[in-house]
Amino acid sequence: MKTDLTDRQKEILDFIVSFRTERGYAPSLRQIAKHFGIASTNGVKRHLDALTKKGHITVDNNISRGIVINRDEEEVVSYTDNFLSLPILGRVAAGVPIEANQYKEGSLVVDPAFIPSGNNCFALKVKGDSMIDAGIFEGDYLIIKQTNEVTNGDVVVAHLDGEVTVKYYSNRGGIVSLIPANKNYRPIVVGVDSQFSIVGTILGITRWY
């Protein structure tokens, strides 16, 4: 219930929900501070700590944009006649990373039996051919589960320096790489100064012939 929040906490939670719904990933602390005119990220962190304590969000401080919404404040998924309607939140690059579209581009209707965590899911349309050997082709719709928990070999949607891409995830000795499934592309090594976060993992693919 949002009634346990102060007015400012509610405003910040609504902003996080709206931002993630439109873009497919959470805002950074600096973006929250700028939006609300908060002088420092420490001020933002105090509000996030309060939202965490009250059970509305979880924050992974080890990664950028590590805010996960715990409850159903996000009106991301709707149910119609026993089907799920997932928002299509733009395009994701299976090739050179591209900036994700900020706006909802439509909806993808799926059977909820295939999506055990529907309230944390959305869809993205693929552009590019760097994942064709993994069976992911341009024009496919990817069903994404929002999560920060990934392991080596997972196919992930990653946010890197303001752009979004789909690749295999690799973390070897603390060096994170995004690995294509096409011999014509080279792995992307995530620099130590990069703004990097995991948007989610792929639950499924929808394709029309």
N, C-alpha and C. Protein backbone atom coordinates (compact mmCIF):
# COMPACT_ATOMS: atom_id res chain seq x y z
N MET A 1 0.84 -1.20 0.00
CA MET A 1 0.00 0.00 0.00
C MET A 1 0.87 1.25 0.00
N LYS A 2 0.49 2.22 -0.82
CA LYS A 2 1.27 3.45 -0.88
C LYS A 2 0.95 4.40 0.27
N THR A 3 -0.05 4.06 1.06
CA THR A 3 -0.41 4.94 2.17
C THR A 3 0.65 4.98 3.25
N ASP A 4 1.63 4.05 3.22
CA ASP A 4 2.68 4.09 4.23
C ASP A 4 3.84 4.98 3.82
N LEU A 5 3.69 5.68 2.69
CA LEU A 5 4.76 6.51 2.18
C LEU A 5 4.51 7.99 2.44
N THR A 6 5.60 8.74 2.59
CA THR A 6 5.47 10.19 2.60
C THR A 6 5.18 10.66 1.17
N ASP A 7 4.77 11.92 1.03
CA ASP A 7 4.47 12.44 -0.31
C ASP A 7 5.68 12.34 -1.22
N ARG A 8 6.88 12.68 -0.72
CA ARG A 8 8.08 12.64 -1.55
C ARG A 8 8.45 11.20 -1.90
N GLN A 9 8.33 10.29 -0.95
CA GLN A 9 8.62 8.88 -1.23
C GLN A 9 7.69 8.34 -2.31
N LYS A 10 6.42 8.70 -2.23
CA LYS A 10 5.46 8.26 -3.24
C LYS A 10 5.81 8.83 -4.62
N GLU A 11 6.21 10.11 -4.65
CA GLU A 11 6.60 10.74 -5.92
C GLU A 11 7.81 10.03 -6.53
N ILE A 12 8.78 9.69 -5.70
CA ILE A 12 9.98 9.03 -6.19
C ILE A 12 9.65 7.62 -6.68
N LEU A 13 8.83 6.89 -5.92
CA LEU A 13 8.43 5.55 -6.35
C LEU A 13 7.67 5.60 -7.67
N ASP A 14 6.75 6.55 -7.81
CA ASP A 14 6.00 6.68 -9.06
C ASP A 14 6.92 7.01 -10.22
N PHE A 15 7.93 7.85 -9.97
CA PHE A 15 8.89 8.20 -11.02
C PHE A 15 9.69 6.97 -11.45
N ILE A 16 10.14 6.17 -10.49
CA ILE A 16 10.90 4.95 -10.82
C ILE A 16 10.04 4.00 -11.63
N VAL A 17 8.79 3.81 -11.22
CA VAL A 17 7.88 2.92 -11.94
C VAL A 17 7.66 3.41 -13.36
N SER A 18 7.39 4.71 -13.51
CA SER A 18 7.13 5.28 -14.83
C SER A 18 8.37 5.18 -15.71
N PHE A 19 9.53 5.49 -15.16
CA PHE A 19 10.79 5.45 -15.91
C PHE A 19 11.06 4.04 -16.41
N ARG A 20 10.92 3.04 -15.53
CA ARG A 20 11.22 1.66 -15.92
C ARG A 20 10.19 1.14 -16.92
N THR A 21 8.93 1.54 -16.76
CA THR A 21 7.90 1.10 -17.69
C THR A 21 8.18 1.62 -19.10
N GLU A 22 8.64 2.87 -19.20
CA GLU A 22 8.89 3.48 -20.51
C GLU A 22 10.19 2.99 -21.15
N ARG A 23 11.22 2.75 -20.31
CA ARG A 23 12.55 2.49 -20.87
C ARG A 23 13.03 1.07 -20.71
N GLY A 24 12.41 0.33 -19.79
CA GLY A 24 12.83 -1.05 -19.61
C GLY A 24 13.95 -1.23 -18.62
N TYR A 25 14.41 -0.17 -17.99
CA TYR A 25 15.45 -0.24 -16.97
C TYR A 25 15.22 0.89 -15.98
N ALA A 26 15.82 0.77 -14.80
CA ALA A 26 15.58 1.73 -13.73
C ALA A 26 16.41 2.99 -13.93
N PRO A 27 15.96 4.12 -13.36
CA PRO A 27 16.77 5.34 -13.42
C PRO A 27 17.99 5.23 -12.51
N SER A 28 19.01 6.01 -12.82
CA SER A 28 20.17 6.10 -11.94
C SER A 28 19.86 7.07 -10.80
N LEU A 29 20.70 7.05 -9.76
CA LEU A 29 20.52 7.99 -8.66
C LEU A 29 20.63 9.42 -9.14
N ARG A 30 21.54 9.68 -10.07
CA ARG A 30 21.71 11.04 -10.59
C ARG A 30 20.46 11.50 -11.35
N GLN A 31 19.85 10.60 -12.10
CA GLN A 31 18.63 10.97 -12.82
C GLN A 31 17.48 11.28 -11.86
N ILE A 32 17.39 10.53 -10.78
CA ILE A 32 16.35 10.81 -9.77
C ILE A 32 16.63 12.15 -9.12
N ALA A 33 17.89 12.39 -8.76
CA ALA A 33 18.25 13.66 -8.12
C ALA A 33 17.93 14.83 -9.04
N LYS A 34 18.27 14.72 -10.31
CA LYS A 34 18.02 15.81 -11.26
C LYS A 34 16.53 16.06 -11.43
N HIS A 35 15.74 14.99 -11.51
CA HIS A 35 14.30 15.14 -11.72
C HIS A 35 13.63 15.87 -10.57
N PHE A 36 14.08 15.59 -9.35
CA PHE A 36 13.43 16.16 -8.17
C PHE A 36 14.19 17.36 -7.58
N GLY A 37 15.30 17.74 -8.20
CA GLY A 37 16.06 18.87 -7.68
C GLY A 37 16.71 18.58 -6.35
N ILE A 38 17.09 17.32 -6.14
CA ILE A 38 17.77 16.93 -4.91
C ILE A 38 19.26 17.20 -5.08
N ALA A 39 19.87 17.82 -4.08
CA ALA A 39 21.23 18.35 -4.22
C ALA A 39 22.28 17.27 -4.42
N SER A 40 22.08 16.08 -3.84
CA SER A 40 23.12 15.05 -3.95
C SER A 40 22.48 13.68 -4.04
N THR A 41 23.27 12.71 -4.52
CA THR A 41 22.77 11.34 -4.60
C THR A 41 22.59 10.74 -3.20
N ASN A 42 23.28 11.28 -2.22
CA ASN A 42 23.07 10.80 -0.85
C ASN A 42 21.64 11.07 -0.40
N GLY A 43 21.10 12.23 -0.83
CA GLY A 43 19.70 12.52 -0.51
C GLY A 43 18.76 11.54 -1.16
N VAL A 44 19.06 11.16 -2.40
CA VAL A 44 18.24 10.15 -3.08
C VAL A 44 18.34 8.82 -2.36
N LYS A 45 19.55 8.46 -1.97
CA LYS A 45 19.77 7.18 -1.31
C LYS A 45 18.95 7.06 -0.03
N ARG A 46 18.78 8.15 0.70
CA ARG A 46 17.98 8.10 1.92
C ARG A 46 16.53 7.74 1.60
N HIS A 47 16.00 8.32 0.51
CA HIS A 47 14.63 7.98 0.12
C HIS A 47 14.54 6.53 -0.34
N LEU A 48 15.55 6.07 -1.09
CA LEU A 48 15.54 4.68 -1.54
C LEU A 48 15.65 3.71 -0.37
N ASP A 49 16.44 4.09 0.63
CA ASP A 49 16.55 3.25 1.83
C ASP A 49 15.19 3.12 2.52
N ALA A 50 14.44 4.23 2.56
CA ALA A 50 13.12 4.19 3.17
C ALA A 50 12.16 3.32 2.36
N LEU A 51 12.22 3.42 1.03
CA LEU A 51 11.37 2.59 0.17
C LEU A 51 11.74 1.12 0.28
N THR A 52 13.03 0.85 0.47
CA THR A 52 13.48 -0.53 0.67
C THR A 52 12.97 -1.07 1.99
N LYS A 53 13.10 -0.28 3.04
CA LYS A 53 12.67 -0.71 4.37
C LYS A 53 11.16 -0.99 4.40
N LYS A 54 10.40 -0.23 3.62
CA LYS A 54 8.95 -0.41 3.58
C LYS A 54 8.51 -1.47 2.58
N GLY A 55 9.48 -2.10 1.92
CA GLY A 55 9.18 -3.25 1.08
C GLY A 55 8.77 -2.97 -0.34
N HIS A 56 8.90 -1.72 -0.79
CA HIS A 56 8.47 -1.38 -2.14
C HIS A 56 9.52 -1.68 -3.20
N ILE A 57 10.80 -1.60 -2.85
CA ILE A 57 11.87 -1.82 -3.82
C ILE A 57 12.99 -2.62 -3.16
N THR A 58 13.87 -3.14 -4.01
CA THR A 58 15.14 -3.72 -3.59
C THR A 58 16.23 -3.02 -4.38
N VAL A 59 17.33 -2.67 -3.73
CA VAL A 59 18.41 -1.96 -4.39
C VAL A 59 19.68 -2.78 -4.30
N ASP A 60 20.28 -3.05 -5.47
CA ASP A 60 21.59 -3.69 -5.53
C ASP A 60 22.62 -2.58 -5.72
N ASN A 61 23.34 -2.25 -4.66
CA ASN A 61 24.30 -1.15 -4.70
C ASN A 61 25.58 -1.47 -5.46
N ASN A 62 25.72 -2.73 -5.89
CA ASN A 62 26.94 -3.12 -6.59
C ASN A 62 26.88 -2.84 -8.09
N ILE A 63 25.70 -2.48 -8.60
CA ILE A 63 25.58 -2.21 -10.03
C ILE A 63 24.83 -0.91 -10.24
N SER A 64 25.06 -0.30 -11.41
CA SER A 64 24.33 0.90 -11.78
C SER A 64 22.89 0.54 -12.09
N ARG A 65 21.96 1.41 -11.74
CA ARG A 65 20.53 1.23 -12.01
C ARG A 65 20.00 -0.05 -11.39
N GLY A 66 20.50 -0.37 -10.20
CA GLY A 66 20.14 -1.63 -9.55
C GLY A 66 18.88 -1.58 -8.72
N ILE A 67 17.86 -0.85 -9.17
CA ILE A 67 16.60 -0.74 -8.43
C ILE A 67 15.59 -1.71 -9.02
N VAL A 68 15.06 -2.60 -8.20
CA VAL A 68 14.03 -3.55 -8.62
C VAL A 68 12.77 -3.28 -7.82
N ILE A 69 11.64 -3.19 -8.50
CA ILE A 69 10.37 -2.92 -7.84
C ILE A 69 9.78 -4.23 -7.35
N ASN A 70 9.47 -4.31 -6.05
CA ASN A 70 9.05 -5.56 -5.45
C ASN A 70 7.56 -5.83 -5.58
N ARG A 71 6.78 -4.76 -5.62
CA ARG A 71 5.34 -4.93 -5.51
C ARG A 71 4.67 -4.59 -6.82
N ASP A 72 3.35 -4.64 -6.83
CA ASP A 72 2.61 -4.49 -8.08
C ASP A 72 2.23 -3.04 -8.35
N GLU A 73 3.09 -2.07 -7.88
CA GLU A 73 2.85 -0.68 -8.25
C GLU A 73 2.97 -0.50 -9.76
N GLU A 74 3.82 -1.32 -10.38
CA GLU A 74 4.04 -1.21 -11.83
C GLU A 74 2.84 -1.76 -12.57
N GLU A 75 2.20 -0.94 -13.33
CA GLU A 75 1.12 -1.42 -14.17
C GLU A 75 1.71 -1.81 -15.53
N VAL A 76 2.63 -2.76 -15.46
CA VAL A 76 3.35 -3.18 -16.66
C VAL A 76 2.56 -4.22 -17.42
N VAL A 77 1.89 -5.11 -16.71
CA VAL A 77 1.22 -6.24 -17.31
C VAL A 77 -0.26 -6.16 -17.02
N SER A 78 -1.10 -6.41 -18.02
CA SER A 78 -2.53 -6.49 -17.81
C SER A 78 -3.02 -7.85 -18.24
N TYR A 79 -4.13 -8.28 -17.64
CA TYR A 79 -4.71 -9.58 -17.94
C TYR A 79 -6.02 -9.38 -18.70
N THR A 80 -6.17 -10.05 -19.83
CA THR A 80 -7.39 -9.95 -20.63
C THR A 80 -7.82 -11.35 -21.04
N ASP A 81 -8.99 -11.78 -20.53
CA ASP A 81 -9.51 -13.10 -20.90
C ASP A 81 -8.46 -14.19 -20.70
N ASN A 82 -7.81 -14.17 -19.55
CA ASN A 82 -6.83 -15.18 -19.17
C ASN A 82 -5.53 -15.12 -19.98
N PHE A 83 -5.27 -14.02 -20.66
CA PHE A 83 -4.01 -13.82 -21.35
C PHE A 83 -3.28 -12.63 -20.75
N LEU A 84 -1.97 -12.64 -20.93
CA LEU A 84 -1.14 -11.51 -20.49
C LEU A 84 -0.90 -10.58 -21.66
N SER A 85 -0.99 -9.29 -21.40
CA SER A 85 -0.65 -8.28 -22.40
C SER A 85 0.61 -7.57 -21.93
N LEU A 86 1.75 -7.91 -22.54
CA LEU A 86 3.03 -7.34 -22.15
C LEU A 86 3.34 -6.11 -22.99
N PRO A 87 3.79 -5.03 -22.38
CA PRO A 87 4.15 -3.84 -23.16
C PRO A 87 5.41 -4.08 -23.98
N ILE A 88 5.41 -3.63 -25.23
CA ILE A 88 6.61 -3.64 -26.06
C ILE A 88 7.28 -2.28 -25.86
N LEU A 89 8.46 -2.29 -25.23
CA LEU A 89 9.07 -1.04 -24.77
C LEU A 89 10.18 -0.55 -25.68
N GLY A 90 10.17 -0.96 -26.93
CA GLY A 90 11.15 -0.44 -27.86
C GLY A 90 11.93 -1.55 -28.52
N ARG A 91 13.14 -1.24 -28.96
CA ARG A 91 13.98 -2.18 -29.69
C ARG A 91 15.27 -2.45 -28.92
N VAL A 92 15.81 -3.64 -29.15
CA VAL A 92 17.07 -4.01 -28.52
C VAL A 92 18.00 -4.52 -29.62
N ALA A 93 19.26 -4.16 -29.54
CA ALA A 93 20.21 -4.47 -30.60
C ALA A 93 20.79 -5.86 -30.43
N ALA A 94 20.66 -6.69 -31.48
CA ALA A 94 21.45 -7.91 -31.59
C ALA A 94 22.51 -7.60 -32.63
N GLY A 95 23.43 -6.77 -32.26
CA GLY A 95 24.46 -6.22 -33.14
C GLY A 95 25.15 -5.13 -32.35
N VAL A 96 25.44 -4.02 -32.99
CA VAL A 96 26.00 -2.87 -32.29
C VAL A 96 24.93 -2.31 -31.35
N PRO A 97 25.25 -2.03 -30.09
CA PRO A 97 24.24 -1.52 -29.17
C PRO A 97 23.55 -0.26 -29.70
N ILE A 98 22.23 -0.18 -29.49
CA ILE A 98 21.47 1.00 -29.89
C ILE A 98 20.71 1.53 -28.70
N GLU A 99 20.37 2.80 -28.77
CA GLU A 99 19.59 3.41 -27.70
C GLU A 99 18.18 2.86 -27.75
N ALA A 100 17.66 2.44 -26.60
CA ALA A 100 16.31 1.89 -26.56
C ALA A 100 15.29 3.00 -26.73
N ASN A 101 14.21 2.70 -27.45
CA ASN A 101 13.10 3.63 -27.57
C ASN A 101 12.50 3.85 -26.18
N GLN A 102 12.21 5.07 -25.84
CA GLN A 102 11.72 5.39 -24.50
C GLN A 102 10.23 5.13 -24.35
N TYR A 103 9.53 4.85 -25.42
CA TYR A 103 8.08 4.83 -25.35
C TYR A 103 7.53 3.45 -25.71
N LYS A 104 6.39 3.15 -25.15
CA LYS A 104 5.69 1.91 -25.43
C LYS A 104 5.28 1.88 -26.90
N GLU A 105 5.60 0.77 -27.58
CA GLU A 105 5.32 0.64 -29.00
C GLU A 105 4.15 -0.28 -29.29
N GLY A 106 3.45 -0.73 -28.26
CA GLY A 106 2.34 -1.65 -28.44
C GLY A 106 2.36 -2.70 -27.37
N SER A 107 1.64 -3.79 -27.60
CA SER A 107 1.54 -4.85 -26.61
C SER A 107 1.70 -6.20 -27.30
N LEU A 108 2.17 -7.17 -26.53
CA LEU A 108 2.33 -8.54 -26.99
C LEU A 108 1.50 -9.43 -26.08
N VAL A 109 0.52 -10.12 -26.65
CA VAL A 109 -0.39 -10.96 -25.87
C VAL A 109 0.14 -12.39 -25.85
N VAL A 110 0.30 -12.93 -24.65
CA VAL A 110 0.86 -14.28 -24.49
C VAL A 110 0.07 -15.06 -23.45
N ASP A 111 0.24 -16.36 -23.49
CA ASP A 111 -0.38 -17.25 -22.50
C ASP A 111 0.41 -17.15 -21.20
N PRO A 112 -0.23 -16.83 -20.07
CA PRO A 112 0.51 -16.67 -18.81
C PRO A 112 1.16 -17.96 -18.32
N ALA A 113 0.75 -19.11 -18.86
CA ALA A 113 1.36 -20.37 -18.45
C ALA A 113 2.84 -20.42 -18.79
N PHE A 114 3.25 -19.63 -19.80
CA PHE A 114 4.65 -19.63 -20.21
C PHE A 114 5.47 -18.59 -19.47
N ILE A 115 4.82 -17.77 -18.63
CA ILE A 115 5.52 -16.67 -17.97
C ILE A 115 5.19 -16.72 -16.49
N PRO A 116 5.97 -17.42 -15.69
CA PRO A 116 5.67 -17.55 -14.27
C PRO A 116 5.82 -16.27 -13.48
N SER A 117 6.50 -15.27 -14.04
CA SER A 117 6.74 -14.02 -13.31
C SER A 117 6.25 -12.84 -14.14
N GLY A 118 5.00 -12.91 -14.58
CA GLY A 118 4.49 -11.93 -15.53
C GLY A 118 4.57 -10.50 -15.07
N ASN A 119 4.45 -10.25 -13.77
CA ASN A 119 4.44 -8.87 -13.28
C ASN A 119 5.79 -8.18 -13.41
N ASN A 120 6.83 -8.95 -13.73
CA ASN A 120 8.15 -8.35 -13.92
C ASN A 120 8.63 -8.50 -15.35
N CYS A 121 7.69 -8.62 -16.29
CA CYS A 121 8.07 -8.91 -17.67
C CYS A 121 7.62 -7.81 -18.63
N PHE A 122 8.35 -7.73 -19.73
CA PHE A 122 7.98 -6.84 -20.82
C PHE A 122 8.58 -7.42 -22.09
N ALA A 123 8.33 -6.78 -23.24
CA ALA A 123 8.83 -7.28 -24.51
C ALA A 123 9.68 -6.23 -25.21
N LEU A 124 10.64 -6.69 -26.00
CA LEU A 124 11.48 -5.84 -26.82
C LEU A 124 11.58 -6.45 -28.21
N LYS A 125 11.69 -5.61 -29.23
CA LYS A 125 11.84 -6.08 -30.60
C LYS A 125 13.31 -6.05 -30.99
N VAL A 126 13.77 -7.11 -31.64
CA VAL A 126 15.19 -7.28 -31.97
C VAL A 126 15.53 -6.55 -33.27
N LYS A 127 16.68 -5.89 -33.25
CA LYS A 127 17.26 -5.31 -34.46
C LYS A 127 18.70 -5.79 -34.57
N GLY A 128 19.06 -6.38 -35.71
CA GLY A 128 20.42 -6.84 -35.90
C GLY A 128 20.53 -8.35 -35.95
N ASP A 129 21.75 -8.84 -36.22
CA ASP A 129 21.94 -10.27 -36.45
C ASP A 129 23.07 -10.89 -35.62
N SER A 130 23.49 -10.23 -34.55
CA SER A 130 24.64 -10.74 -33.81
C SER A 130 24.31 -11.96 -32.95
N MET A 131 23.02 -12.33 -32.83
CA MET A 131 22.64 -13.48 -32.01
C MET A 131 21.96 -14.57 -32.82
N ILE A 132 22.22 -14.60 -34.12
CA ILE A 132 21.50 -15.56 -34.97
C ILE A 132 21.86 -17.00 -34.65
N ASP A 133 23.08 -17.27 -34.18
CA ASP A 133 23.46 -18.63 -33.84
C ASP A 133 22.82 -19.10 -32.53
N ALA A 134 22.20 -18.17 -31.82
CA ALA A 134 21.41 -18.52 -30.63
C ALA A 134 19.92 -18.57 -30.96
N GLY A 135 19.59 -18.46 -32.26
CA GLY A 135 18.19 -18.53 -32.68
C GLY A 135 17.43 -17.25 -32.48
N ILE A 136 18.14 -16.11 -32.39
CA ILE A 136 17.51 -14.80 -32.20
C ILE A 136 17.75 -13.99 -33.46
N PHE A 137 16.66 -13.60 -34.14
CA PHE A 137 16.77 -12.95 -35.44
C PHE A 137 16.11 -11.57 -35.42
N GLU A 138 16.53 -10.74 -36.36
CA GLU A 138 15.93 -9.41 -36.48
C GLU A 138 14.42 -9.53 -36.69
N GLY A 139 13.68 -8.71 -35.94
CA GLY A 139 12.22 -8.73 -36.02
C GLY A 139 11.57 -9.59 -34.96
N ASP A 140 12.35 -10.45 -34.28
CA ASP A 140 11.80 -11.25 -33.19
C ASP A 140 11.39 -10.35 -32.03
N TYR A 141 10.41 -10.82 -31.27
CA TYR A 141 10.04 -10.15 -30.02
C TYR A 141 10.55 -10.99 -28.85
N LEU A 142 11.37 -10.38 -28.02
CA LEU A 142 11.92 -11.06 -26.85
C LEU A 142 11.05 -10.76 -25.64
N ILE A 143 10.72 -11.79 -24.89
CA ILE A 143 10.02 -11.62 -23.62
C ILE A 143 11.08 -11.59 -22.52
N ILE A 144 11.14 -10.47 -21.82
CA ILE A 144 12.21 -10.21 -20.86
C ILE A 144 11.68 -10.23 -19.44
N LYS A 145 12.37 -10.95 -18.59
CA LYS A 145 12.11 -10.89 -17.15
C LYS A 145 13.08 -9.91 -16.52
N GLN A 146 12.56 -8.89 -15.86
CA GLN A 146 13.44 -7.93 -15.19
C GLN A 146 14.10 -8.60 -14.00
N THR A 147 15.43 -8.64 -14.00
CA THR A 147 16.19 -9.22 -12.89
C THR A 147 17.63 -8.76 -12.97
N ASN A 148 18.28 -8.71 -11.82
CA ASN A 148 19.71 -8.41 -11.76
C ASN A 148 20.54 -9.67 -11.54
N GLU A 149 19.87 -10.80 -11.34
CA GLU A 149 20.56 -12.04 -11.00
C GLU A 149 20.82 -12.85 -12.27
N VAL A 150 22.06 -12.91 -12.70
CA VAL A 150 22.42 -13.64 -13.92
C VAL A 150 23.66 -14.48 -13.65
N THR A 151 23.86 -15.48 -14.49
CA THR A 151 25.04 -16.33 -14.41
C THR A 151 25.70 -16.40 -15.78
N ASN A 152 26.92 -16.85 -15.81
CA ASN A 152 27.65 -16.99 -17.07
C ASN A 152 26.87 -17.86 -18.05
N GLY A 153 26.77 -17.38 -19.28
CA GLY A 153 26.06 -18.12 -20.31
C GLY A 153 24.62 -17.71 -20.49
N ASP A 154 24.07 -16.92 -19.58
CA ASP A 154 22.70 -16.43 -19.74
C ASP A 154 22.63 -15.46 -20.92
N VAL A 155 21.52 -15.50 -21.66
CA VAL A 155 21.26 -14.48 -22.67
C VAL A 155 20.56 -13.33 -21.97
N VAL A 156 21.19 -12.16 -21.99
CA VAL A 156 20.69 -11.04 -21.21
C VAL A 156 20.44 -9.83 -22.11
N VAL A 157 19.59 -8.96 -21.61
CA VAL A 157 19.48 -7.62 -22.16
C VAL A 157 20.24 -6.71 -21.20
N ALA A 158 21.23 -6.01 -21.73
CA ALA A 158 22.11 -5.20 -20.90
C ALA A 158 22.04 -3.74 -21.31
N HIS A 159 22.17 -2.88 -20.32
CA HIS A 159 22.23 -1.44 -20.54
C HIS A 159 23.68 -1.01 -20.36
N LEU A 160 24.25 -0.42 -21.42
CA LEU A 160 25.67 -0.06 -21.40
C LEU A 160 25.85 1.35 -21.96
N ASP A 161 26.22 2.27 -21.07
CA ASP A 161 26.50 3.66 -21.47
C ASP A 161 25.36 4.27 -22.30
N GLY A 162 24.15 4.10 -21.80
CA GLY A 162 22.99 4.72 -22.44
C GLY A 162 22.40 3.94 -23.59
N GLU A 163 22.94 2.76 -23.87
CA GLU A 163 22.45 1.95 -24.97
C GLU A 163 22.06 0.57 -24.46
N VAL A 164 21.29 -0.14 -25.27
CA VAL A 164 20.76 -1.44 -24.86
C VAL A 164 21.10 -2.48 -25.91
N THR A 165 21.54 -3.67 -25.46
CA THR A 165 21.90 -4.74 -26.38
C THR A 165 21.55 -6.09 -25.78
N VAL A 166 21.42 -7.10 -26.63
CA VAL A 166 21.18 -8.48 -26.18
C VAL A 166 22.39 -9.32 -26.55
N LYS A 167 22.95 -10.03 -25.56
CA LYS A 167 24.16 -10.83 -25.76
C LYS A 167 24.21 -11.93 -24.69
N TYR A 168 25.13 -12.87 -24.86
CA TYR A 168 25.47 -13.78 -23.78
C TYR A 168 26.26 -13.00 -22.72
N TYR A 169 26.03 -13.36 -21.46
CA TYR A 169 26.72 -12.71 -20.34
C TYR A 169 27.91 -13.55 -19.90
N SER A 170 29.04 -12.89 -19.68
CA SER A 170 30.23 -13.57 -19.18
C SER A 170 30.91 -12.70 -18.14
N ASN A 171 31.26 -13.30 -17.01
CA ASN A 171 32.05 -12.63 -15.97
C ASN A 171 33.16 -13.57 -15.56
N ARG A 172 34.37 -13.27 -16.06
CA ARG A 172 35.54 -14.10 -15.77
C ARG A 172 36.57 -13.29 -15.02
N GLY A 173 36.79 -13.63 -13.78
CA GLY A 173 37.77 -12.92 -12.98
C GLY A 173 37.42 -11.46 -12.78
N GLY A 174 36.13 -11.15 -12.74
CA GLY A 174 35.69 -9.78 -12.55
C GLY A 174 35.62 -8.96 -13.83
N ILE A 175 35.99 -9.56 -14.95
CA ILE A 175 35.90 -8.88 -16.25
C ILE A 175 34.61 -9.31 -16.92
N VAL A 176 33.71 -8.36 -17.11
CA VAL A 176 32.40 -8.65 -17.70
C VAL A 176 32.46 -8.42 -19.20
N SER A 177 31.98 -9.39 -19.95
CA SER A 177 31.92 -9.29 -21.41
C SER A 177 30.53 -9.65 -21.89
N LEU A 178 30.13 -9.04 -22.98
CA LEU A 178 28.87 -9.36 -23.65
C LEU A 178 29.23 -10.05 -24.95
N ILE A 179 28.84 -11.32 -25.07
CA ILE A 179 29.34 -12.18 -26.13
C ILE A 179 28.27 -12.39 -27.21
N PRO A 180 28.58 -12.09 -28.47
CA PRO A 180 27.62 -12.33 -29.54
C PRO A 180 27.55 -13.81 -29.91
N ALA A 181 26.52 -14.16 -30.66
CA ALA A 181 26.38 -15.52 -31.20
C ALA A 181 26.42 -15.42 -32.72
N ASN A 182 27.47 -14.81 -33.22
CA ASN A 182 27.69 -14.64 -34.66
C ASN A 182 29.18 -14.34 -34.82
N LYS A 183 29.88 -15.18 -35.60
CA LYS A 183 31.33 -15.05 -35.72
C LYS A 183 31.77 -13.74 -36.36
N ASN A 184 30.84 -13.01 -36.94
CA ASN A 184 31.19 -11.74 -37.57
C ASN A 184 31.25 -10.58 -36.57
N TYR A 185 30.91 -10.85 -35.31
CA TYR A 185 30.92 -9.80 -34.29
C TYR A 185 31.91 -10.16 -33.19
N ARG A 186 32.50 -9.14 -32.60
CA ARG A 186 33.45 -9.33 -31.52
C ARG A 186 32.78 -9.10 -30.17
N PRO A 187 33.25 -9.75 -29.13
CA PRO A 187 32.71 -9.50 -27.79
C PRO A 187 32.87 -8.04 -27.37
N ILE A 188 31.96 -7.58 -26.55
CA ILE A 188 32.03 -6.24 -25.97
C ILE A 188 32.53 -6.38 -24.53
N VAL A 189 33.70 -5.84 -24.25
CA VAL A 189 34.23 -5.87 -22.88
C VAL A 189 33.75 -4.62 -22.16
N VAL A 190 33.14 -4.82 -21.01
CA VAL A 190 32.58 -3.71 -20.23
C VAL A 190 33.71 -3.05 -19.44
N GLY A 191 33.97 -1.78 -19.73
CA GLY A 191 35.03 -1.06 -19.05
C GLY A 191 34.69 -0.75 -17.60
N VAL A 192 35.72 -0.55 -16.80
CA VAL A 192 35.52 -0.31 -15.38
C VAL A 192 34.79 1.01 -15.13
N ASP A 193 34.86 1.94 -16.06
CA ASP A 193 34.20 3.23 -15.90
C ASP A 193 32.86 3.29 -16.64
N SER A 194 32.44 2.18 -17.21
CA SER A 194 31.19 2.16 -17.97
C SER A 194 29.99 2.20 -17.04
N GLN A 195 28.91 2.81 -17.55
CA GLN A 195 27.62 2.74 -16.87
C GLN A 195 26.94 1.47 -17.37
N PHE A 196 26.94 0.44 -16.53
CA PHE A 196 26.50 -0.88 -16.96
C PHE A 196 25.50 -1.46 -15.97
N SER A 197 24.46 -2.07 -16.50
CA SER A 197 23.53 -2.82 -15.65
C SER A 197 22.82 -3.86 -16.51
N ILE A 198 22.31 -4.87 -15.85
CA ILE A 198 21.51 -5.89 -16.50
C ILE A 198 20.05 -5.48 -16.45
N VAL A 199 19.42 -5.39 -17.61
CA VAL A 199 17.99 -5.08 -17.65
C VAL A 199 17.18 -6.32 -17.30
N GLY A 200 17.58 -7.47 -17.83
CA GLY A 200 16.85 -8.70 -17.54
C GLY A 200 17.38 -9.86 -18.36
N THR A 201 16.72 -10.99 -18.19
CA THR A 201 17.07 -12.19 -18.94
C THR A 201 15.91 -12.58 -19.84
N ILE A 202 16.20 -13.36 -20.86
CA ILE A 202 15.20 -13.71 -21.86
C ILE A 202 14.45 -14.96 -21.43
N LEU A 203 13.12 -14.84 -21.38
CA LEU A 203 12.27 -15.99 -21.08
C LEU A 203 11.80 -16.69 -22.34
N GLY A 204 11.62 -15.93 -23.42
CA GLY A 204 11.10 -16.54 -24.63
C GLY A 204 11.20 -15.62 -25.82
N ILE A 205 10.89 -16.17 -26.97
CA ILE A 205 10.95 -15.46 -28.23
C ILE A 205 9.66 -15.70 -28.99
N THR A 206 9.11 -14.63 -29.57
CA THR A 206 7.94 -14.74 -30.44
C THR A 206 8.33 -14.29 -31.84
N ARG A 207 7.91 -15.07 -32.84
CA ARG A 207 8.28 -14.77 -34.21
C ARG A 207 7.11 -15.08 -35.13
N TRP A 208 6.92 -14.18 -36.12
CA TRP A 208 5.90 -14.40 -37.15
C TRP A 208 6.59 -14.58 -38.48
N TYR A 209 6.09 -15.52 -39.27
CA TYR A 209 6.65 -15.78 -40.60
C TYR A 209 5.81 -15.09 -41.68
